[in-house]
């Protein structure tokens, strides 16, 4: 492994903008915790649909921030570089 190359938790998607599935255990841990929190919110908040939608949007903010900080720099991609 090259020590000068940064270690990303989330690789860039091959097509489009954004990040793909995690590539290391830290990324998988973030995703598992995020899914558990979203599921818990669904169980406890779901009868109030508008509140759950607000909760889901709120939950996307920290996930997006973590992906931005620990993932490859986002840019539009269309296949191989």
PDB file of N, CA and C in Angstrom:
ATOM      1  N   UNK A   1       0.848  -1.179   0.000  1.00  0.00           N
ATOM      2  CA  UNK A   1       0.000   0.000   0.000  1.00  0.00           C
ATOM      3  C   UNK A   1       0.887   1.233   0.000  1.00  0.00           C
ATOM      4  N   UNK A   2       0.560   2.198  -0.817  1.00  0.00           N
ATOM      5  CA  UNK A   2       1.328   3.423  -0.954  1.00  0.00           C
ATOM      6  C   UNK A   2       1.003   4.367   0.204  1.00  0.00           C
ATOM      7  N   UNK A   3       1.993   4.730   1.051  1.00  0.00           N
ATOM      8  CA  UNK A   3       1.698   5.592   2.195  1.00  0.00           C
ATOM      9  C   UNK A   3       1.353   7.025   1.804  1.00  0.00           C
ATOM     10  N   UNK A   4       1.687   7.452   0.591  1.00  0.00           N
ATOM     11  CA  UNK A   4       1.364   8.826   0.179  1.00  0.00           C
ATOM     12  C   UNK A   4      -0.052   8.942  -0.357  1.00  0.00           C
ATOM     13  N   UNK A   5      -0.639   7.821  -0.728  1.00  0.00           N
ATOM     14  CA  UNK A   5      -2.009   7.839  -1.249  1.00  0.00           C
ATOM     15  C   UNK A   5      -2.993   7.867  -0.088  1.00  0.00           C
ATOM     16  N   UNK A   6      -3.955   8.807  -0.095  1.00  0.00           N
ATOM     17  CA  UNK A   6      -4.920   8.855   1.011  1.00  0.00           C
ATOM     18  C   UNK A   6      -5.818   7.621   1.031  1.00  0.00           C
ATOM     19  N   UNK A   7      -6.204   7.198   2.235  1.00  0.00           N
ATOM     20  CA  UNK A   7      -7.068   6.039   2.423  1.00  0.00           C
ATOM     21  C   UNK A   7      -8.510   6.529   2.497  1.00  0.00           C
ATOM     22  N   UNK A   8      -9.279   6.214   1.476  1.00  0.00           N
ATOM     23  CA  UNK A   8     -10.680   6.625   1.435  1.00  0.00           C
ATOM     24  C   UNK A   8     -11.565   5.526   2.013  1.00  0.00           C
ATOM     25  N   UNK A   9     -12.636   5.954   2.686  1.00  0.00           N
ATOM     26  CA  UNK A   9     -13.624   5.003   3.186  1.00  0.00           C
ATOM     27  C   UNK A   9     -14.670   4.713   2.117  1.00  0.00           C
ATOM     28  N   UNK A  10     -14.955   5.712   1.280  1.00  0.00           N
ATOM     29  CA  UNK A  10     -15.991   5.601   0.257  1.00  0.00           C
ATOM     30  C   UNK A  10     -15.391   5.982  -1.092  1.00  0.00           C
ATOM     31  N   UNK A  11     -15.375   5.058  -2.056  1.00  0.00           N
ATOM     32  CA  UNK A  11     -14.830   5.390  -3.375  1.00  0.00           C
ATOM     33  C   UNK A  11     -15.853   6.194  -4.187  1.00  0.00           C
ATOM     34  N   UNK A  12     -15.357   6.893  -5.171  1.00  0.00           N
ATOM     35  CA  UNK A  12     -16.258   7.601  -6.073  1.00  0.00           C
ATOM     36  C   UNK A  12     -16.987   6.590  -6.950  1.00  0.00           C
ATOM     37  N   UNK A  13     -18.204   6.930  -7.313  1.00  0.00           N
ATOM     38  CA  UNK A  13     -18.949   6.063  -8.223  1.00  0.00           C
ATOM     39  C   UNK A  13     -18.288   6.076  -9.590  1.00  0.00           C
ATOM     40  N   UNK A  14     -18.413   4.987 -10.311  1.00  0.00           N
ATOM     41  CA  UNK A  14     -17.821   4.912 -11.640  1.00  0.00           C
ATOM     42  C   UNK A  14     -18.593   5.784 -12.624  1.00  0.00           C
ATOM     43  N   UNK A  15     -19.900   5.845 -12.468  1.00  0.00           N
ATOM     44  CA  UNK A  15     -20.750   6.659 -13.325  1.00  0.00           C
ATOM     45  C   UNK A  15     -21.549   7.625 -12.468  1.00  0.00           C
ATOM     46  N   UNK A  16     -21.585   8.881 -12.851  1.00  0.00           N
ATOM     47  CA  UNK A  16     -22.365   9.863 -12.126  1.00  0.00           C
ATOM     48  C   UNK A  16     -21.552  10.600 -11.082  1.00  0.00           C
ATOM     49  N   UNK A  17     -22.251  11.224 -10.126  1.00  0.00           N
ATOM     50  CA  UNK A  17     -21.631  12.024  -9.088  1.00  0.00           C
ATOM     51  C   UNK A  17     -21.926  11.388  -7.746  1.00  0.00           C
ATOM     52  N   UNK A  18     -20.953  11.335  -6.879  1.00  0.00           N
ATOM     53  CA  UNK A  18     -21.183  10.810  -5.538  1.00  0.00           C
ATOM     54  C   UNK A  18     -20.271   9.648  -5.212  1.00  0.00           C
ATOM     55  N   UNK A  19     -20.678   8.888  -4.213  1.00  0.00           N
ATOM     56  CA  UNK A  19     -19.848   7.815  -3.682  1.00  0.00           C
ATOM     57  C   UNK A  19     -20.560   6.476  -3.779  1.00  0.00           C
ATOM     58  N   UNK A  20     -19.750   5.432  -3.864  1.00  0.00           N
ATOM     59  CA  UNK A  20     -20.271   4.081  -3.926  1.00  0.00           C
ATOM     60  C   UNK A  20     -20.248   3.434  -2.554  1.00  0.00           C
ATOM     61  N   UNK A  21     -20.416   2.126  -2.505  1.00  0.00           N
ATOM     62  CA  UNK A  21     -20.393   1.406  -1.227  1.00  0.00           C
ATOM     63  C   UNK A  21     -19.028   1.523  -0.550  1.00  0.00           C
ATOM     64  N   UNK A  22     -18.983   1.389   0.763  1.00  0.00           N
ATOM     65  CA  UNK A  22     -17.714   1.492   1.490  1.00  0.00           C
ATOM     66  C   UNK A  22     -16.697   0.445   1.027  1.00  0.00           C
ATOM     67  N   UNK A  23     -15.407   0.780   1.215  1.00  0.00           N
ATOM     68  CA  UNK A  23     -14.344  -0.146   0.826  1.00  0.00           C
ATOM     69  C   UNK A  23     -13.470  -0.548   2.012  1.00  0.00           C
ATOM     70  N   UNK A  24     -13.794  -0.082   3.210  1.00  0.00           N
ATOM     71  CA  UNK A  24     -13.019  -0.474   4.388  1.00  0.00           C
ATOM     72  C   UNK A  24     -13.981  -0.628   5.576  1.00  0.00           C
ATOM     73  N   UNK A  25     -13.471  -1.186   6.663  1.00  0.00           N
ATOM     74  CA  UNK A  25     -14.341  -1.482   7.802  1.00  0.00           C
ATOM     75  C   UNK A  25     -14.907  -0.213   8.433  1.00  0.00           C
ATOM     76  N   UNK A  26     -14.170   0.896   8.404  1.00  0.00           N
ATOM     77  CA  UNK A  26     -14.685   2.132   8.987  1.00  0.00           C
ATOM     78  C   UNK A  26     -15.922   2.620   8.224  1.00  0.00           C
ATOM     79  N   UNK A  27     -15.863   2.527   6.916  1.00  0.00           N
ATOM     80  CA  UNK A  27     -17.008   2.920   6.102  1.00  0.00           C
ATOM     81  C   UNK A  27     -18.210   2.021   6.343  1.00  0.00           C
ATOM     82  N   UNK A  28     -17.945   0.712   6.457  1.00  0.00           N
ATOM     83  CA  UNK A  28     -19.052  -0.219   6.735  1.00  0.00           C
ATOM     84  C   UNK A  28     -19.652   0.044   8.116  1.00  0.00           C
ATOM     85  N   UNK A  29     -18.819   0.382   9.085  1.00  0.00           N
ATOM     86  CA  UNK A  29     -19.323   0.693  10.425  1.00  0.00           C
ATOM     87  C   UNK A  29     -20.227   1.923  10.388  1.00  0.00           C
ATOM     88  N   UNK A  30     -19.810   2.950   9.660  1.00  0.00           N
ATOM     89  CA  UNK A  30     -20.641   4.150   9.502  1.00  0.00           C
ATOM     90  C   UNK A  30     -21.977   3.785   8.873  1.00  0.00           C
ATOM     91  N   UNK A  31     -21.949   2.979   7.822  1.00  0.00           N
ATOM     92  CA  UNK A  31     -23.194   2.608   7.144  1.00  0.00           C
ATOM     93  C   UNK A  31     -24.109   1.773   8.037  1.00  0.00           C
ATOM     94  N   UNK A  32     -23.545   0.828   8.787  1.00  0.00           N
ATOM     95  CA  UNK A  32     -24.364  -0.013   9.675  1.00  0.00           C
ATOM     96  C   UNK A  32     -25.014   0.830  10.764  1.00  0.00           C
ATOM     97  N   UNK A  33     -24.254   1.727  11.371  1.00  0.00           N
ATOM     98  CA  UNK A  33     -24.818   2.607  12.408  1.00  0.00           C
ATOM     99  C   UNK A  33     -25.893   3.496  11.809  1.00  0.00           C
ATOM    100  N   UNK A  34     -25.640   4.038  10.622  1.00  0.00           N
ATOM    101  CA  UNK A  34     -26.618   4.913   9.974  1.00  0.00           C
ATOM    102  C   UNK A  34     -27.913   4.162   9.675  1.00  0.00           C
ATOM    103  N   UNK A  35     -27.801   2.946   9.163  1.00  0.00           N
ATOM    104  CA  UNK A  35     -28.994   2.146   8.861  1.00  0.00           C
ATOM    105  C   UNK A  35     -29.754   1.800  10.142  1.00  0.00           C
ATOM    106  N   UNK A  36     -29.018   1.481  11.210  1.00  0.00           N
ATOM    107  CA  UNK A  36     -29.681   1.176  12.484  1.00  0.00           C
ATOM    108  C   UNK A  36     -30.436   2.391  13.019  1.00  0.00           C
ATOM    109  N   UNK A  37     -29.832   3.568  12.949  1.00  0.00           N
ATOM    110  CA  UNK A  37     -30.507   4.784  13.428  1.00  0.00           C
ATOM    111  C   UNK A  37     -31.718   5.120  12.564  1.00  0.00           C
ATOM    112  N   UNK A  38     -31.597   4.955  11.255  1.00  0.00           N
ATOM    113  CA  UNK A  38     -32.732   5.223  10.373  1.00  0.00           C
ATOM    114  C   UNK A  38     -33.861   4.226  10.621  1.00  0.00           C
ATOM    115  N   UNK A  39     -33.520   2.967  10.843  1.00  0.00           N
ATOM    116  CA  UNK A  39     -34.525   1.941  11.143  1.00  0.00           C
ATOM    117  C   UNK A  39     -35.209   2.230  12.473  1.00  0.00           C
ATOM    118  N   UNK A  40     -34.417   2.606  13.477  1.00  0.00           N
ATOM    119  CA  UNK A  40     -35.007   2.948  14.778  1.00  0.00           C
ATOM    120  C   UNK A  40     -35.959   4.125  14.644  1.00  0.00           C
ATOM    121  N   UNK A  41     -35.560   5.111  13.861  1.00  0.00           N
ATOM    122  CA  UNK A  41     -36.450   6.244  13.615  1.00  0.00           C
ATOM    123  C   UNK A  41     -37.724   5.805  12.919  1.00  0.00           C
ATOM    124  N   UNK A  42     -37.596   4.861  11.988  1.00  0.00           N
ATOM    125  CA  UNK A  42     -38.779   4.349  11.304  1.00  0.00           C
ATOM    126  C   UNK A  42     -39.727   3.632  12.246  1.00  0.00           C
ATOM    127  N   UNK A  43     -39.162   2.909  13.203  1.00  0.00           N
ATOM    128  CA  UNK A  43     -40.002   2.172  14.151  1.00  0.00           C
ATOM    129  C   UNK A  43     -40.721   3.120  15.108  1.00  0.00           C
ATOM    130  N   UNK A  44     -40.000   4.119  15.598  1.00  0.00           N
ATOM    131  CA  UNK A  44     -40.576   4.995  16.627  1.00  0.00           C
ATOM    132  C   UNK A  44     -41.279   6.226  16.076  1.00  0.00           C
ATOM    133  N   UNK A  45     -40.916   6.680  14.892  1.00  0.00           N
ATOM    134  CA  UNK A  45     -41.490   7.921  14.367  1.00  0.00           C
ATOM    135  C   UNK A  45     -42.465   7.677  13.229  1.00  0.00           C
ATOM    136  N   UNK A  46     -42.442   6.516  12.596  1.00  0.00           N
ATOM    137  CA  UNK A  46     -43.192   6.272  11.375  1.00  0.00           C
ATOM    138  C   UNK A  46     -44.678   6.626  11.430  1.00  0.00           C
ATOM    139  N   UNK A  47     -45.390   6.435  12.541  1.00  0.00           N
ATOM    140  CA  UNK A  47     -46.808   6.840  12.493  1.00  0.00           C
ATOM    141  C   UNK A  47     -46.992   8.315  12.119  1.00  0.00           C
ATOM    142  N   UNK A  48     -46.014   9.144  12.448  1.00  0.00           N
ATOM    143  CA  UNK A  48     -46.049  10.544  12.035  1.00  0.00           C
ATOM    144  C   UNK A  48     -45.167  10.667  10.787  1.00  0.00           C
ATOM    145  N   UNK A  49     -45.782  10.501   9.622  1.00  0.00           N
ATOM    146  CA  UNK A  49     -45.026  10.414   8.374  1.00  0.00           C
ATOM    147  C   UNK A  49     -44.189  11.656   8.112  1.00  0.00           C
ATOM    148  N   UNK A  50     -44.723  12.845   8.336  1.00  0.00           N
ATOM    149  CA  UNK A  50     -43.979  14.077   8.081  1.00  0.00           C
ATOM    150  C   UNK A  50     -42.762  14.167   8.990  1.00  0.00           C
ATOM    151  N   UNK A  51     -42.902  13.733  10.228  1.00  0.00           N
ATOM    152  CA  UNK A  51     -41.762  13.750  11.145  1.00  0.00           C
ATOM    153  C   UNK A  51     -40.689  12.764  10.697  1.00  0.00           C
ATOM    154  N   UNK A  52     -41.110  11.598  10.186  1.00  0.00           N
ATOM    155  CA  UNK A  52     -40.127  10.623   9.720  1.00  0.00           C
ATOM    156  C   UNK A  52     -39.386  11.137   8.490  1.00  0.00           C
ATOM    157  N   UNK A  53     -40.081  11.799   7.589  1.00  0.00           N
ATOM    158  CA  UNK A  53     -39.422  12.365   6.408  1.00  0.00           C
ATOM    159  C   UNK A  53     -38.391  13.410   6.831  1.00  0.00           C
ATOM    160  N   UNK A  54     -38.749  14.262   7.788  1.00  0.00           N
ATOM    161  CA  UNK A  54     -37.801  15.249   8.299  1.00  0.00           C
ATOM    162  C   UNK A  54     -36.612  14.561   8.968  1.00  0.00           C
ATOM    163  N   UNK A  55     -36.872  13.496   9.721  1.00  0.00           N
ATOM    164  CA  UNK A  55     -35.805  12.741  10.375  1.00  0.00           C
ATOM    165  C   UNK A  55     -34.881  12.106   9.334  1.00  0.00           C
ATOM    166  N   UNK A  56     -35.443  11.531   8.281  1.00  0.00           N
ATOM    167  CA  UNK A  56     -34.636  10.890   7.241  1.00  0.00           C
ATOM    168  C   UNK A  56     -33.757  11.918   6.525  1.00  0.00           C
ATOM    169  N   UNK A  57     -34.303  13.077   6.241  1.00  0.00           N
ATOM    170  CA  UNK A  57     -33.510  14.139   5.614  1.00  0.00           C
ATOM    171  C   UNK A  57     -32.409  14.580   6.559  1.00  0.00           C
ATOM    172  N   UNK A  58     -32.734  14.739   7.834  1.00  0.00           N
ATOM    173  CA  UNK A  58     -31.737  15.119   8.827  1.00  0.00           C
ATOM    174  C   UNK A  58     -30.633  14.069   8.925  1.00  0.00           C
ATOM    175  N   UNK A  59     -30.989  12.789   8.840  1.00  0.00           N
ATOM    176  CA  UNK A  59     -30.003  11.714   8.922  1.00  0.00           C
ATOM    177  C   UNK A  59     -29.090  11.680   7.697  1.00  0.00           C
ATOM    178  N   UNK A  60     -29.554  12.158   6.567  1.00  0.00           N
ATOM    179  CA  UNK A  60     -28.719  12.187   5.362  1.00  0.00           C
ATOM    180  C   UNK A  60     -27.612  13.236   5.459  1.00  0.00           C
ATOM    181  N   UNK A  61     -27.820  14.283   6.228  1.00  0.00           N
ATOM    182  CA  UNK A  61     -26.816  15.338   6.351  1.00  0.00           C
ATOM    183  C   UNK A  61     -25.503  14.838   6.952  1.00  0.00           C
ATOM    184  N   UNK A  62     -25.506  14.179   8.133  1.00  0.00           N
ATOM    185  CA  UNK A  62     -24.216  13.697   8.655  1.00  0.00           C
ATOM    186  C   UNK A  62     -23.580  12.613   7.781  1.00  0.00           C
ATOM    187  N   UNK A  63     -24.399  11.763   7.145  1.00  0.00           N
ATOM    188  CA  UNK A  63     -23.840  10.741   6.262  1.00  0.00           C
ATOM    189  C   UNK A  63     -23.152  11.400   5.067  1.00  0.00           C
ATOM    190  N   UNK A  64     -23.782  12.410   4.493  1.00  0.00           N
ATOM    191  CA  UNK A  64     -23.170  13.118   3.368  1.00  0.00           C
ATOM    192  C   UNK A  64     -21.886  13.818   3.786  1.00  0.00           C
ATOM    193  N   UNK A  65     -21.873  14.382   4.981  1.00  0.00           N
ATOM    194  CA  UNK A  65     -20.672  15.053   5.473  1.00  0.00           C
ATOM    195  C   UNK A  65     -19.531  14.054   5.666  1.00  0.00           C
ATOM    196  N   UNK A  66     -19.831  12.892   6.240  1.00  0.00           N
ATOM    197  CA  UNK A  66     -18.799  11.867   6.430  1.00  0.00           C
ATOM    198  C   UNK A  66     -18.284  11.380   5.077  1.00  0.00           C
ATOM    199  N   UNK A  67     -19.176  11.159   4.133  1.00  0.00           N
ATOM    200  CA  UNK A  67     -18.749  10.733   2.796  1.00  0.00           C
ATOM    201  C   UNK A  67     -17.883  11.802   2.139  1.00  0.00           C
ATOM    202  N   UNK A  68     -18.233  13.054   2.320  1.00  0.00           N
ATOM    203  CA  UNK A  68     -17.451  14.151   1.736  1.00  0.00           C
ATOM    204  C   UNK A  68     -16.058  14.218   2.360  1.00  0.00           C
ATOM    205  N   UNK A  69     -15.986  14.055   3.674  1.00  0.00           N
ATOM    206  CA  UNK A  69     -14.700  14.158   4.366  1.00  0.00           C
ATOM    207  C   UNK A  69     -13.833  12.919   4.184  1.00  0.00           C
ATOM    208  N   UNK A  70     -14.424  11.737   4.150  1.00  0.00           N
ATOM    209  CA  UNK A  70     -13.661  10.490   4.126  1.00  0.00           C
ATOM    210  C   UNK A  70     -13.749   9.753   2.789  1.00  0.00           C
ATOM    211  N   UNK A  71     -14.387  10.338   1.812  1.00  0.00           N
ATOM    212  CA  UNK A  71     -14.499   9.698   0.507  1.00  0.00           C
ATOM    213  C   UNK A  71     -13.632  10.390  -0.523  1.00  0.00           C
ATOM    214  N   UNK A  72     -13.559   9.783  -1.701  1.00  0.00           N
ATOM    215  CA  UNK A  72     -12.831  10.408  -2.796  1.00  0.00           C
ATOM    216  C   UNK A  72     -13.500  11.734  -3.145  1.00  0.00           C
ATOM    217  N   UNK A  73     -12.737  12.698  -3.618  1.00  0.00           N
ATOM    218  CA  UNK A  73     -13.349  13.981  -3.993  1.00  0.00           C
ATOM    219  C   UNK A  73     -14.452  13.783  -5.030  1.00  0.00           C
ATOM    220  N   UNK A  74     -15.623  14.363  -4.789  1.00  0.00           N
ATOM    221  CA  UNK A  74     -16.725  14.159  -5.723  1.00  0.00           C
ATOM    222  C   UNK A  74     -16.540  14.980  -7.000  1.00  0.00           C
ATOM    223  N   UNK A  75     -16.865  14.376  -8.094  1.00  0.00           N
ATOM    224  CA  UNK A  75     -16.917  15.041  -9.390  1.00  0.00           C
ATOM    225  C   UNK A  75     -17.703  14.150 -10.328  1.00  0.00           C
ATOM    226  N   UNK A  76     -18.140  14.709 -11.435  1.00  0.00           N
ATOM    227  CA  UNK A  76     -18.888  13.942 -12.407  1.00  0.00           C
ATOM    228  C   UNK A  76     -17.951  12.956 -13.085  1.00  0.00           C
ATOM    229  N   UNK A  77     -18.359  11.684 -13.141  1.00  0.00           N
ATOM    230  CA  UNK A  77     -17.555  10.637 -13.786  1.00  0.00           C
ATOM    231  C   UNK A  77     -18.429   9.890 -14.781  1.00  0.00           C
ATOM    232  N   UNK A  78     -17.782   9.463 -15.836  1.00  0.00           N
ATOM    233  CA  UNK A  78     -18.501   8.687 -16.831  1.00  0.00           C
ATOM    234  C   UNK A  78     -17.597   7.573 -17.333  1.00  0.00           C
ATOM    235  N   UNK A  79     -17.488   6.509 -16.528  1.00  0.00           N
ATOM    236  CA  UNK A  79     -16.674   5.366 -16.894  1.00  0.00           C
ATOM    237  C   UNK A  79     -15.245   5.515 -16.419  1.00  0.00           C
ATOM    238  N   UNK A  80     -14.333   4.918 -17.149  1.00  0.00           N
ATOM    239  CA  UNK A  80     -12.930   4.958 -16.755  1.00  0.00           C
ATOM    240  C   UNK A  80     -12.352   6.349 -16.936  1.00  0.00           C
ATOM    241  N   UNK A  81     -11.420   6.693 -16.039  1.00  0.00           N
ATOM    242  CA  UNK A  81     -10.760   8.010 -16.140  1.00  0.00           C
ATOM    243  C   UNK A  81      -9.714   8.009 -17.225  1.00  0.00           C
TER     244      UNK A  81
END
